[in-house]
Amino acid sequence: MARYVDGFVLPVPKKNLEAYRKMAKEAGEVWKEYGALQYVECVAEDVKPGEVTSFPQSVKLEEGETVIFSWIVYQSREQRDEINEKVMKDPRLAHMMDPKRLPFDGKRMIWGGFDLFLEL
């Protein structure tokens, strides 16, 4: 069973967590509507800075921020590309595409697409 995953790591000011949750819920509902199999958002609970690298260091975490780790699962890379094209054109999410209106610093967000390597 082939699967494909988009993964994200981003810093969110703690004071903006509820605004981020609202935005993510809206976005997740749209992704799922277009066919994403799973949409998950996690907030850091036991994440410490490392000596060389870590989640906080990866997003240049600042005072008063926390790390969000999230992923979206698709049936395939092709399905992901089709879904993302539709999502990016969806007028319900237009307000989220403006970097000035995001409840986080989008310049420090890390994302990428991954082939599923192992699933137990």
PDB file of N, CA and C in Angstrom:
ATOM      1  N   MET A   1       0.851  -1.176   0.000  1.00  0.00           N
ATOM      2  CA  MET A   1       0.000   0.000   0.000  1.00  0.00           C
ATOM      3  C   MET A   1       0.902   1.245   0.000  1.00  0.00           C
ATOM      4  N   ALA A   2       1.027   1.874  -1.144  1.00  0.00           N
ATOM      5  CA  ALA A   2       1.854   3.074  -1.257  1.00  0.00           C
ATOM      6  C   ALA A   2       1.202   4.234  -0.508  1.00  0.00           C
ATOM      7  N   ARG A   3       2.017   5.018   0.140  1.00  0.00           N
ATOM      8  CA  ARG A   3       1.543   6.216   0.838  1.00  0.00           C
ATOM      9  C   ARG A   3       2.584   7.298   0.659  1.00  0.00           C
ATOM     10  N   TYR A   4       2.141   8.530   0.811  1.00  0.00           N
ATOM     11  CA  TYR A   4       3.034   9.678   0.700  1.00  0.00           C
ATOM     12  C   TYR A   4       2.679  10.643   1.821  1.00  0.00           C
ATOM     13  N   VAL A   5       3.688  11.299   2.392  1.00  0.00           N
ATOM     14  CA  VAL A   5       3.467  12.163   3.549  1.00  0.00           C
ATOM     15  C   VAL A   5       4.136  13.515   3.328  1.00  0.00           C
ATOM     16  N   ASP A   6       3.396  14.584   3.581  1.00  0.00           N
ATOM     17  CA  ASP A   6       3.982  15.922   3.689  1.00  0.00           C
ATOM     18  C   ASP A   6       4.211  16.171   5.169  1.00  0.00           C
ATOM     19  N   GLY A   7       5.428  16.570   5.534  1.00  0.00           N
ATOM     20  CA  GLY A   7       5.756  16.840   6.926  1.00  0.00           C
ATOM     21  C   GLY A   7       6.118  18.296   7.129  1.00  0.00           C
ATOM     22  N   PHE A   8       5.809  18.826   8.305  1.00  0.00           N
ATOM     23  CA  PHE A   8       6.026  20.236   8.628  1.00  0.00           C
ATOM     24  C   PHE A   8       6.552  20.389  10.050  1.00  0.00           C
ATOM     25  N   VAL A   9       7.468  21.318  10.247  1.00  0.00           N
ATOM     26  CA  VAL A   9       7.924  21.732  11.569  1.00  0.00           C
ATOM     27  C   VAL A   9       7.933  23.252  11.534  1.00  0.00           C
ATOM     28  N   LEU A  10       7.295  23.896  12.521  1.00  0.00           N
ATOM     29  CA  LEU A  10       7.219  25.353  12.508  1.00  0.00           C
ATOM     30  C   LEU A  10       7.118  25.924  13.909  1.00  0.00           C
ATOM     31  N   PRO A  11       7.577  27.175  14.070  1.00  0.00           N
ATOM     32  CA  PRO A  11       7.464  27.840  15.370  1.00  0.00           C
ATOM     33  C   PRO A  11       6.158  28.632  15.438  1.00  0.00           C
ATOM     34  N   VAL A  12       5.486  28.533  16.565  1.00  0.00           N
ATOM     35  CA  VAL A  12       4.255  29.303  16.769  1.00  0.00           C
ATOM     36  C   VAL A  12       4.355  30.012  18.111  1.00  0.00           C
ATOM     37  N   PRO A  13       4.125  31.331  18.128  1.00  0.00           N
ATOM     38  CA  PRO A  13       4.076  32.005  19.425  1.00  0.00           C
ATOM     39  C   PRO A  13       2.983  31.371  20.294  1.00  0.00           C
ATOM     40  N   LYS A  14       3.322  31.097  21.544  1.00  0.00           N
ATOM     41  CA  LYS A  14       2.351  30.459  22.440  1.00  0.00           C
ATOM     42  C   LYS A  14       1.059  31.260  22.531  1.00  0.00           C
ATOM     43  N   LYS A  15       1.163  32.582  22.467  1.00  0.00           N
ATOM     44  CA  LYS A  15      -0.032  33.428  22.539  1.00  0.00           C
ATOM     45  C   LYS A  15      -0.922  33.253  21.305  1.00  0.00           C
ATOM     46  N   ASN A  16      -0.390  32.656  20.222  1.00  0.00           N
ATOM     47  CA  ASN A  16      -1.146  32.463  18.979  1.00  0.00           C
ATOM     48  C   ASN A  16      -1.608  31.019  18.780  1.00  0.00           C
ATOM     49  N   LEU A  17      -1.439  30.176  19.792  1.00  0.00           N
ATOM     50  CA  LEU A  17      -1.786  28.763  19.614  1.00  0.00           C
ATOM     51  C   LEU A  17      -3.249  28.541  19.254  1.00  0.00           C
ATOM     52  N   GLU A  18      -4.151  29.255  19.882  1.00  0.00           N
ATOM     53  CA  GLU A  18      -5.573  29.061  19.555  1.00  0.00           C
ATOM     54  C   GLU A  18      -5.876  29.549  18.142  1.00  0.00           C
ATOM     55  N   ALA A  19      -5.276  30.647  17.725  1.00  0.00           N
ATOM     56  CA  ALA A  19      -5.459  31.126  16.351  1.00  0.00           C
ATOM     57  C   ALA A  19      -4.880  30.109  15.371  1.00  0.00           C
ATOM     58  N   TYR A  20      -3.726  29.527  15.710  1.00  0.00           N
ATOM     59  CA  TYR A  20      -3.129  28.505  14.854  1.00  0.00           C
ATOM     60  C   TYR A  20      -4.032  27.276  14.792  1.00  0.00           C
ATOM     61  N   ARG A  21      -4.563  26.849  15.939  1.00  0.00           N
ATOM     62  CA  ARG A  21      -5.449  25.682  15.974  1.00  0.00           C
ATOM     63  C   ARG A  21      -6.665  25.906  15.067  1.00  0.00           C
ATOM     64  N   LYS A  22      -7.238  27.100  15.146  1.00  0.00           N
ATOM     65  CA  LYS A  22      -8.404  27.424  14.303  1.00  0.00           C
ATOM     66  C   LYS A  22      -8.026  27.362  12.827  1.00  0.00           C
ATOM     67  N   MET A  23      -6.904  27.962  12.467  1.00  0.00           N
ATOM     68  CA  MET A  23      -6.442  27.957  11.087  1.00  0.00           C
ATOM     69  C   MET A  23      -6.170  26.525  10.614  1.00  0.00           C
ATOM     70  N   ALA A  24      -5.484  25.742  11.445  1.00  0.00           N
ATOM     71  CA  ALA A  24      -5.140  24.366  11.084  1.00  0.00           C
ATOM     72  C   ALA A  24      -6.394  23.508  10.930  1.00  0.00           C
ATOM     73  N   LYS A  25      -7.379  23.716  11.790  1.00  0.00           N
ATOM     74  CA  LYS A  25      -8.630  22.954  11.683  1.00  0.00           C
ATOM     75  C   LYS A  25      -9.324  23.248  10.363  1.00  0.00           C
ATOM     76  N   GLU A  26      -9.415  24.517  10.009  1.00  0.00           N
ATOM     77  CA  GLU A  26     -10.023  24.899   8.726  1.00  0.00           C
ATOM     78  C   GLU A  26      -9.250  24.275   7.567  1.00  0.00           C
ATOM     79  N   ALA A  27      -7.932  24.400   7.611  1.00  0.00           N
ATOM     80  CA  ALA A  27      -7.104  23.871   6.532  1.00  0.00           C
ATOM     81  C   ALA A  27      -7.234  22.350   6.453  1.00  0.00           C
ATOM     82  N   GLY A  28      -7.168  21.689   7.598  1.00  0.00           N
ATOM     83  CA  GLY A  28      -7.261  20.237   7.618  1.00  0.00           C
ATOM     84  C   GLY A  28      -8.568  19.724   7.048  1.00  0.00           C
ATOM     85  N   GLU A  29      -9.651  20.415   7.354  1.00  0.00           N
ATOM     86  CA  GLU A  29     -10.950  20.010   6.810  1.00  0.00           C
ATOM     87  C   GLU A  29     -10.954  20.107   5.289  1.00  0.00           C
ATOM     88  N   VAL A  30     -10.315  21.139   4.743  1.00  0.00           N
ATOM     89  CA  VAL A  30     -10.241  21.293   3.290  1.00  0.00           C
ATOM     90  C   VAL A  30      -9.368  20.193   2.692  1.00  0.00           C
ATOM     91  N   TRP A  31      -8.195  19.943   3.282  1.00  0.00           N
ATOM     92  CA  TRP A  31      -7.316  18.879   2.782  1.00  0.00           C
ATOM     93  C   TRP A  31      -8.052  17.538   2.770  1.00  0.00           C
ATOM     94  N   LYS A  32      -8.748  17.229   3.855  1.00  0.00           N
ATOM     95  CA  LYS A  32      -9.476  15.963   3.942  1.00  0.00           C
ATOM     96  C   LYS A  32     -10.608  15.912   2.915  1.00  0.00           C
ATOM     97  N   GLU A  33     -11.284  17.027   2.726  1.00  0.00           N
ATOM     98  CA  GLU A  33     -12.366  17.087   1.740  1.00  0.00           C
ATOM     99  C   GLU A  33     -11.851  16.731   0.341  1.00  0.00           C
ATOM    100  N   TYR A  34     -10.636  17.168   0.030  1.00  0.00           N
ATOM    101  CA  TYR A  34     -10.065  16.900  -1.288  1.00  0.00           C
ATOM    102  C   TYR A  34      -9.388  15.534  -1.383  1.00  0.00           C
ATOM    103  N   GLY A  35      -9.330  14.792  -0.286  1.00  0.00           N
ATOM    104  CA  GLY A  35      -8.847  13.424  -0.376  1.00  0.00           C
ATOM    105  C   GLY A  35      -7.663  13.036   0.486  1.00  0.00           C
ATOM    106  N   ALA A  36      -7.112  13.951   1.275  1.00  0.00           N
ATOM    107  CA  ALA A  36      -6.034  13.559   2.181  1.00  0.00           C
ATOM    108  C   ALA A  36      -6.566  12.495   3.140  1.00  0.00           C
ATOM    109  N   LEU A  37      -5.748  11.515   3.436  1.00  0.00           N
ATOM    110  CA  LEU A  37      -6.167  10.416   4.300  1.00  0.00           C
ATOM    111  C   LEU A  37      -6.096  10.776   5.780  1.00  0.00           C
ATOM    112  N   GLN A  38      -5.121  11.622   6.134  1.00  0.00           N
ATOM    113  CA  GLN A  38      -4.928  11.989   7.535  1.00  0.00           C
ATOM    114  C   GLN A  38      -4.287  13.374   7.595  1.00  0.00           C
ATOM    115  N   TYR A  39      -4.682  14.153   8.585  1.00  0.00           N
ATOM    116  CA  TYR A  39      -4.137  15.488   8.811  1.00  0.00           C
ATOM    117  C   TYR A  39      -3.895  15.607  10.307  1.00  0.00           C
ATOM    118  N   VAL A  40      -2.640  15.796  10.719  1.00  0.00           N
ATOM    119  CA  VAL A  40      -2.291  15.760  12.144  1.00  0.00           C
ATOM    120  C   VAL A  40      -1.459  16.982  12.517  1.00  0.00           C
ATOM    121  N   GLU A  41      -1.765  17.591  13.646  1.00  0.00           N
ATOM    122  CA  GLU A  41      -1.017  18.725  14.196  1.00  0.00           C
ATOM    123  C   GLU A  41      -0.649  18.387  15.639  1.00  0.00           C
ATOM    124  N   CYS A  42       0.640  18.525  15.979  1.00  0.00           N
ATOM    125  CA  CYS A  42       1.111  18.227  17.329  1.00  0.00           C
ATOM    126  C   CYS A  42       1.882  19.427  17.870  1.00  0.00           C
ATOM    127  N   VAL A  43       1.712  19.713  19.159  1.00  0.00           N
ATOM    128  CA  VAL A  43       2.440  20.802  19.801  1.00  0.00           C
ATOM    129  C   VAL A  43       3.510  20.190  20.717  1.00  0.00           C
ATOM    130  N   ALA A  44       4.692  20.797  20.728  1.00  0.00           N
ATOM    131  CA  ALA A  44       5.821  20.287  21.513  1.00  0.00           C
ATOM    132  C   ALA A  44       5.456  20.179  22.986  1.00  0.00           C
ATOM    133  N   GLU A  45       5.858  19.077  23.590  1.00  0.00           N
ATOM    134  CA  GLU A  45       5.625  18.872  25.011  1.00  0.00           C
ATOM    135  C   GLU A  45       6.938  18.500  25.695  1.00  0.00           C
ATOM    136  N   ASP A  46       7.718  17.635  25.072  1.00  0.00           N
ATOM    137  CA  ASP A  46       9.003  17.209  25.622  1.00  0.00           C
ATOM    138  C   ASP A  46      10.060  17.378  24.523  1.00  0.00           C
ATOM    139  N   VAL A  47      10.381  18.624  24.224  1.00  0.00           N
ATOM    140  CA  VAL A  47      11.300  18.957  23.128  1.00  0.00           C
ATOM    141  C   VAL A  47      12.337  19.939  23.664  1.00  0.00           C
ATOM    142  N   LYS A  48      13.565  19.466  23.763  1.00  0.00           N
ATOM    143  CA  LYS A  48      14.627  20.298  24.321  1.00  0.00           C
ATOM    144  C   LYS A  48      15.645  20.675  23.248  1.00  0.00           C
ATOM    145  N   PRO A  49      16.304  21.809  23.417  1.00  0.00           N
ATOM    146  CA  PRO A  49      17.383  22.159  22.482  1.00  0.00           C
ATOM    147  C   PRO A  49      18.499  21.132  22.569  1.00  0.00           C
ATOM    148  N   GLY A  50      19.117  20.838  21.455  1.00  0.00           N
ATOM    149  CA  GLY A  50      20.215  19.879  21.440  1.00  0.00           C
ATOM    150  C   GLY A  50      21.551  20.594  21.381  1.00  0.00           C
ATOM    151  N   GLU A  51      22.609  19.817  21.381  1.00  0.00           N
ATOM    152  CA  GLU A  51      23.948  20.396  21.256  1.00  0.00           C
ATOM    153  C   GLU A  51      24.271  20.709  19.809  1.00  0.00           C
ATOM    154  N   VAL A  52      23.791  19.875  18.890  1.00  0.00           N
ATOM    155  CA  VAL A  52      24.084  20.074  17.465  1.00  0.00           C
ATOM    156  C   VAL A  52      22.824  20.478  16.710  1.00  0.00           C
ATOM    157  N   THR A  53      21.744  19.732  16.947  1.00  0.00           N
ATOM    158  CA  THR A  53      20.484  20.034  16.262  1.00  0.00           C
ATOM    159  C   THR A  53      19.314  19.553  17.114  1.00  0.00           C
ATOM    160  N   SER A  54      18.142  20.087  16.836  1.00  0.00           N
ATOM    161  CA  SER A  54      16.934  19.717  17.566  1.00  0.00           C
ATOM    162  C   SER A  54      15.748  20.379  16.879  1.00  0.00           C
ATOM    163  N   PHE A  55      14.551  20.030  17.316  1.00  0.00           N
ATOM    164  CA  PHE A  55      13.376  20.701  16.776  1.00  0.00           C
ATOM    165  C   PHE A  55      13.433  22.212  17.051  1.00  0.00           C
ATOM    166  N   PRO A  56      13.708  22.649  18.281  1.00  0.00           N
ATOM    167  CA  PRO A  56      13.781  24.095  18.517  1.00  0.00           C
ATOM    168  C   PRO A  56      14.835  24.788  17.639  1.00  0.00           C
ATOM    169  N   GLN A  57      15.992  24.165  17.499  1.00  0.00           N
ATOM    170  CA  GLN A  57      17.044  24.776  16.692  1.00  0.00           C
ATOM    171  C   GLN A  57      16.680  24.794  15.210  1.00  0.00           C
ATOM    172  N   SER A  58      15.953  23.799  14.762  1.00  0.00           N
ATOM    173  CA  SER A  58      15.623  23.710  13.338  1.00  0.00           C
ATOM    174  C   SER A  58      14.772  24.882  12.860  1.00  0.00           C
ATOM    175  N   VAL A  59      13.965  25.453  13.762  1.00  0.00           N
ATOM    176  CA  VAL A  59      13.098  26.581  13.388  1.00  0.00           C
ATOM    177  C   VAL A  59      13.545  27.888  14.042  1.00  0.00           C
ATOM    178  N   LYS A  60      14.753  27.863  14.627  1.00  0.00           N
ATOM    179  CA  LYS A  60      15.281  29.043  15.316  1.00  0.00           C
ATOM    180  C   LYS A  60      14.262  29.583  16.320  1.00  0.00           C
ATOM    181  N   LEU A  61      13.820  28.666  17.191  1.00  0.00           N
ATOM    182  CA  LEU A  61      12.786  28.977  18.174  1.00  0.00           C
ATOM    183  C   LEU A  61      13.182  30.182  19.013  1.00  0.00           C
ATOM    184  N   GLU A  62      12.236  31.108  19.192  1.00  0.00           N
ATOM    185  CA  GLU A  62      12.459  32.319  19.977  1.00  0.00           C
ATOM    186  C   GLU A  62      11.677  32.240  21.284  1.00  0.00           C
ATOM    187  N   GLU A  63      12.037  33.093  22.212  1.00  0.00           N
ATOM    188  CA  GLU A  63      11.354  33.171  23.508  1.00  0.00           C
ATOM    189  C   GLU A  63       9.848  33.346  23.285  1.00  0.00           C
ATOM    190  N   GLY A  64       9.060  32.572  24.028  1.00  0.00           N
ATOM    191  CA  GLY A  64       7.605  32.681  23.940  1.00  0.00           C
ATOM    192  C   GLY A  64       6.989  31.871  22.811  1.00  0.00           C
ATOM    193  N   GLU A  65       7.797  31.058  22.115  1.00  0.00           N
ATOM    194  CA  GLU A  65       7.288  30.230  21.024  1.00  0.00           C
ATOM    195  C   GLU A  65       7.337  28.757  21.410  1.00  0.00           C
ATOM    196  N   THR A  66       6.601  27.961  20.665  1.00  0.00           N
ATOM    197  CA  THR A  66       6.653  26.508  20.788  1.00  0.00           C
ATOM    198  C   THR A  66       6.758  25.916  19.389  1.00  0.00           C
ATOM    199  N   VAL A  67       7.094  24.640  19.330  1.00  0.00           N
ATOM    200  CA  VAL A  67       7.245  23.958  18.046  1.00  0.00           C
ATOM    201  C   VAL A  67       5.978  23.168  17.729  1.00  0.00           C
ATOM    202  N   ILE A  68       5.548  23.277  16.476  1.00  0.00           N
ATOM    203  CA  ILE A  68       4.464  22.455  15.953  1.00  0.00           C
ATOM    204  C   ILE A  68       5.084  21.455  14.982  1.00  0.00           C
ATOM    205  N   PHE A  69       4.681  20.204  15.105  1.00  0.00           N
ATOM    206  CA  PHE A  69       5.121  19.127  14.222  1.00  0.00           C
ATOM    207  C   PHE A  69       3.853  18.561  13.610  1.00  0.00           C
ATOM    208  N   SER A  70       3.764  18.556  12.283  1.00  0.00           N
ATOM    209  CA  SER A  70       2.523  18.098  11.664  1.00  0.00           C
ATOM    210  C   SER A  70       2.799  17.324  10.387  1.00  0.00           C
ATOM    211  N   TRP A  71       1.770  16.587   9.958  1.00  0.00           N
ATOM    212  CA  TRP A  71       1.902  15.839   8.719  1.00  0.00           C
ATOM    213  C   TRP A  71       0.536  15.608   8.093  1.00  0.00           C
ATOM    214  N   ILE A  72       0.578  15.400   6.787  1.00  0.00           N
ATOM    215  CA  ILE A  72      -0.612  15.069   6.004  1.00  0.00           C
ATOM    216  C   ILE A  72      -0.277  13.805   5.224  1.00  0.00           C
ATOM    217  N   VAL A  73      -1.169  12.820   5.272  1.00  0.00           N
ATOM    218  CA  VAL A  73      -0.948  11.545   4.592  1.00  0.00           C
ATOM    219  C   VAL A  73      -1.848  11.462   3.360  1.00  0.00           C
ATOM    220  N   TYR A  74      -1.250  10.981   2.283  1.00  0.00           N
ATOM    221  CA  TYR A  74      -1.951  10.808   1.004  1.00  0.00           C
ATOM    222  C   TYR A  74      -1.756   9.381   0.522  1.00  0.00           C
ATOM    223  N   GLN A  75      -2.566   8.956  -0.426  1.00  0.00           N
ATOM    224  CA  GLN A  75      -2.430   7.632  -1.014  1.00  0.00           C
ATOM    225  C   GLN A  75      -1.151   7.526  -1.838  1.00  0.00           C
ATOM    226  N   SER A  76      -0.756   8.622  -2.501  1.00  0.00           N
ATOM    227  CA  SER A  76       0.413   8.589  -3.383  1.00  0.00           C
ATOM    228  C   SER A  76       0.934  10.005  -3.612  1.00  0.00           C
ATOM    229  N   ARG A  77       2.113  10.122  -4.190  1.00  0.00           N
ATOM    230  CA  ARG A  77       2.677  11.436  -4.547  1.00  0.00           C
ATOM    231  C   ARG A  77       1.770  12.113  -5.575  1.00  0.00           C
ATOM    232  N   GLU A  78       1.275  11.342  -6.527  1.00  0.00           N
ATOM    233  CA  GLU A  78       0.395  11.913  -7.552  1.00  0.00           C
ATOM    234  C   GLU A  78      -0.877  12.480  -6.923  1.00  0.00           C
ATOM    235  N   GLN A  79      -1.458  11.733  -5.981  1.00  0.00           N
ATOM    236  CA  GLN A  79      -2.662  12.209  -5.303  1.00  0.00           C
ATOM    237  C   GLN A  79      -2.337  13.472  -4.503  1.00  0.00           C
ATOM    238  N   ARG A  80      -1.188  13.487  -3.851  1.00  0.00           N
ATOM    239  CA  ARG A  80      -0.777  14.675  -3.084  1.00  0.00           C
ATOM    240  C   ARG A  80      -0.689  15.895  -3.976  1.00  0.00           C
ATOM    241  N   ASP A  81      -0.066  15.745  -5.146  1.00  0.00           N
ATOM    242  CA  ASP A  81       0.073  16.882  -6.053  1.00  0.00           C
ATOM    243  C   ASP A  81      -1.288  17.392  -6.521  1.00  0.00           C
ATOM    244  N   GLU A  82      -2.209  16.480  -6.832  1.00  0.00           N
ATOM    245  CA  GLU A  82      -3.562  16.866  -7.262  1.00  0.00           C
ATOM    246  C   GLU A  82      -4.315  17.571  -6.130  1.00  0.00           C
ATOM    247  N   ILE A  83      -4.239  17.006  -4.936  1.00  0.00           N
ATOM    248  CA  ILE A  83      -4.935  17.593  -3.783  1.00  0.00           C
ATOM    249  C   ILE A  83      -4.368  18.971  -3.467  1.00  0.00           C
ATOM    250  N   ASN A  84      -3.047  19.099  -3.411  1.00  0.00           N
ATOM    251  CA  ASN A  84      -2.444  20.390  -3.080  1.00  0.00           C
ATOM    252  C   ASN A  84      -2.782  21.459  -4.115  1.00  0.00           C
ATOM    253  N   GLU A  85      -2.879  21.084  -5.378  1.00  0.00           N
ATOM    254  CA  GLU A  85      -3.263  22.049  -6.409  1.00  0.00           C
ATOM    255  C   GLU A  85      -4.671  22.580  -6.139  1.00  0.00           C
ATOM    256  N   LYS A  86      -5.587  21.694  -5.786  1.00  0.00           N
ATOM    257  CA  LYS A  86      -6.960  22.100  -5.474  1.00  0.00           C
ATOM    258  C   LYS A  86      -7.004  22.951  -4.207  1.00  0.00           C
ATOM    259  N   VAL A  87      -6.259  22.516  -3.178  1.00  0.00           N
ATOM    260  CA  VAL A  87      -6.246  23.241  -1.906  1.00  0.00           C
ATOM    261  C   VAL A  87      -5.747  24.674  -2.112  1.00  0.00           C
ATOM    262  N   MET A  88      -4.675  24.827  -2.865  1.00  0.00           N
ATOM    263  CA  MET A  88      -4.089  26.156  -3.072  1.00  0.00           C
ATOM    264  C   MET A  88      -5.022  27.096  -3.826  1.00  0.00           C
ATOM    265  N   LYS A  89      -5.971  26.546  -4.568  1.00  0.00           N
ATOM    266  CA  LYS A  89      -6.935  27.359  -5.312  1.00  0.00           C
ATOM    267  C   LYS A  89      -8.238  27.566  -4.550  1.00  0.00           C
ATOM    268  N   ASP A  90      -8.399  26.897  -3.436  1.00  0.00           N
ATOM    269  CA  ASP A  90      -9.662  26.942  -2.702  1.00  0.00           C
ATOM    270  C   ASP A  90      -9.846  28.310  -2.045  1.00  0.00           C
ATOM    271  N   PRO A  91     -10.920  29.011  -2.362  1.00  0.00           N
ATOM    272  CA  PRO A  91     -11.130  30.356  -1.810  1.00  0.00           C
ATOM    273  C   PRO A  91     -11.311  30.386  -0.292  1.00  0.00           C
ATOM    274  N   ARG A  92     -11.689  29.264   0.298  1.00  0.00           N
ATOM    275  CA  ARG A  92     -11.851  29.226   1.756  1.00  0.00           C
ATOM    276  C   ARG A  92     -10.522  29.407   2.478  1.00  0.00           C
ATOM    277  N   LEU A  93      -9.416  29.123   1.793  1.00  0.00           N
ATOM    278  CA  LEU A  93      -8.104  29.220   2.428  1.00  0.00           C
ATOM    279  C   LEU A  93      -7.315  30.436   1.964  1.00  0.00           C
ATOM    280  N   ALA A  94      -7.910  31.277   1.127  1.00  0.00           N
ATOM    281  CA  ALA A  94      -7.190  32.433   0.586  1.00  0.00           C
ATOM    282  C   ALA A  94      -6.631  33.315   1.703  1.00  0.00           C
ATOM    283  N   HIS A  95      -7.382  33.494   2.783  1.00  0.00           N
ATOM    284  CA  HIS A  95      -6.910  34.338   3.887  1.00  0.00           C
ATOM    285  C   HIS A  95      -5.681  33.745   4.571  1.00  0.00           C
ATOM    286  N   MET A  96      -5.471  32.446   4.427  1.00  0.00           N
ATOM    287  CA  MET A  96      -4.324  31.799   5.056  1.00  0.00           C
ATOM    288  C   MET A  96      -3.068  31.904   4.210  1.00  0.00           C
ATOM    289  N   MET A  97      -3.209  32.260   2.973  1.00  0.00           N
ATOM    290  CA  MET A  97      -2.059  32.303   2.080  1.00  0.00           C
ATOM    291  C   MET A  97      -1.278  33.618   2.194  1.00  0.00           C
ATOM    292  N   ASP A  98      -1.828  34.589   2.886  1.00  0.00           N
ATOM    293  CA  ASP A  98      -1.160  35.877   3.079  1.00  0.00           C
ATOM    294  C   ASP A  98      -0.202  35.755   4.267  1.00  0.00           C
ATOM    295  N   PRO A  99       1.120  35.794   4.014  1.00  0.00           N
ATOM    296  CA  PRO A  99       2.098  35.637   5.104  1.00  0.00           C
ATOM    297  C   PRO A  99       1.910  36.626   6.247  1.00  0.00           C
ATOM    298  N   LYS A 100       1.358  37.794   5.969  1.00  0.00           N
ATOM    299  CA  LYS A 100       1.146  38.807   7.019  1.00  0.00           C
ATOM    300  C   LYS A 100       0.029  38.416   7.971  1.00  0.00           C
ATOM    301  N   ARG A 101      -0.840  37.508   7.560  1.00  0.00           N
ATOM    302  CA  ARG A 101      -1.980  37.124   8.397  1.00  0.00           C
ATOM    303  C   ARG A 101      -1.755  35.804   9.128  1.00  0.00           C
ATOM    304  N   LEU A 102      -0.633  35.124   8.864  1.00  0.00           N
ATOM    305  CA  LEU A 102      -0.369  33.855   9.529  1.00  0.00           C
ATOM    306  C   LEU A 102      -0.070  34.067  11.013  1.00  0.00           C
ATOM    307  N   PRO A 103      -0.513  33.157  11.887  1.00  0.00           N
ATOM    308  CA  PRO A 103      -0.220  33.286  13.318  1.00  0.00           C
ATOM    309  C   PRO A 103       1.162  32.726  13.684  1.00  0.00           C
ATOM    310  N   PHE A 104       2.067  32.655  12.712  1.00  0.00           N
ATOM    311  CA  PHE A 104       3.429  32.172  12.927  1.00  0.00           C
ATOM    312  C   PHE A 104       4.322  32.760  11.838  1.00  0.00           C
ATOM    313  N   ASP A 105       5.633  32.597  12.012  1.00  0.00           N
ATOM    314  CA  ASP A 105       6.601  33.091  11.035  1.00  0.00           C
ATOM    315  C   ASP A 105       6.836  32.020   9.975  1.00  0.00           C
ATOM    316  N   GLY A 106       6.200  32.176   8.836  1.00  0.00           N
ATOM    317  CA  GLY A 106       6.284  31.190   7.766  1.00  0.00           C
ATOM    318  C   GLY A 106       7.684  31.023   7.194  1.00  0.00           C
ATOM    319  N   LYS A 107       8.542  32.010   7.381  1.00  0.00           N
ATOM    320  CA  LYS A 107       9.917  31.911   6.868  1.00  0.00           C
ATOM    321  C   LYS A 107      10.723  30.856   7.612  1.00  0.00           C
ATOM    322  N   ARG A 108      10.286  30.526   8.840  1.00  0.00           N
ATOM    323  CA  ARG A 108      11.017  29.543   9.641  1.00  0.00           C
ATOM    324  C   ARG A 108      10.351  28.165   9.631  1.00  0.00           C
ATOM    325  N   MET A 109       9.342  27.995   8.787  1.00  0.00           N
ATOM    326  CA  MET A 109       8.682  26.701   8.662  1.00  0.00           C
ATOM    327  C   MET A 109       9.518  25.796   7.752  1.00  0.00           C
ATOM    328  N   ILE A 110       9.637  24.544   8.144  1.00  0.00           N
ATOM    329  CA  ILE A 110      10.335  23.538   7.350  1.00  0.00           C
ATOM    330  C   ILE A 110       9.273  22.564   6.854  1.00  0.00           C
ATOM    331  N   TRP A 111       9.329  22.195   5.576  1.00  0.00           N
ATOM    332  CA  TRP A 111       8.379  21.221   5.064  1.00  0.00           C
ATOM    333  C   TRP A 111       9.003  20.426   3.938  1.00  0.00           C
ATOM    334  N   GLY A 112       8.397  19.295   3.671  1.00  0.00           N
ATOM    335  CA  GLY A 112       8.864  18.467   2.574  1.00  0.00           C
ATOM    336  C   GLY A 112       7.971  17.265   2.400  1.00  0.00           C
ATOM    337  N   GLY A 113       8.119  16.607   1.249  1.00  0.00           N
ATOM    338  CA  GLY A 113       7.352  15.415   0.931  1.00  0.00           C
ATOM    339  C   GLY A 113       8.199  14.170   1.085  1.00  0.00           C
ATOM    340  N   PHE A 114       7.587  13.110   1.588  1.00  0.00           N
ATOM    341  CA  PHE A 114       8.309  11.885   1.913  1.00  0.00           C
ATOM    342  C   PHE A 114       7.556  10.656   1.420  1.00  0.00           C
ATOM    343  N   ASP A 115       8.296   9.717   0.825  1.00  0.00           N
ATOM    344  CA  ASP A 115       7.739   8.393   0.533  1.00  0.00           C
ATOM    345  C   ASP A 115       7.688   7.622   1.839  1.00  0.00           C
ATOM    346  N   LEU A 116       6.596   6.909   2.056  1.00  0.00           N
ATOM    347  CA  LEU A 116       6.488   6.082   3.248  1.00  0.00           C
ATOM    348  C   LEU A 116       7.513   4.953   3.127  1.00  0.00           C
ATOM    349  N   PHE A 117       8.336   4.818   4.123  1.00  0.00           N
ATOM    350  CA  PHE A 117       9.446   3.863   4.120  1.00  0.00           C
ATOM    351  C   PHE A 117       9.114   2.611   4.937  1.00  0.00           C
ATOM    352  N   LEU A 118       8.414   2.816   6.048  1.00  0.00           N
ATOM    353  CA  LEU A 118       8.049   1.710   6.928  1.00  0.00           C
ATOM    354  C   LEU A 118       6.803   2.099   7.705  1.00  0.00           C
ATOM    355  N   GLU A 119       5.859   1.192   7.767  1.00  0.00           N
ATOM    356  CA  GLU A 119       4.649   1.423   8.570  1.00  0.00           C
ATOM    357  C   GLU A 119       4.318   0.130   9.272  1.00  0.00           C
ATOM    358  N   LEU A 120       4.211   0.174  10.598  1.00  0.00           N
ATOM    359  CA  LEU A 120       3.909  -1.028  11.391  1.00  0.00           C
ATOM    360  C   LEU A 120       2.499  -0.971  11.935  1.00  0.00           C
TER     361      LEU A 120
END
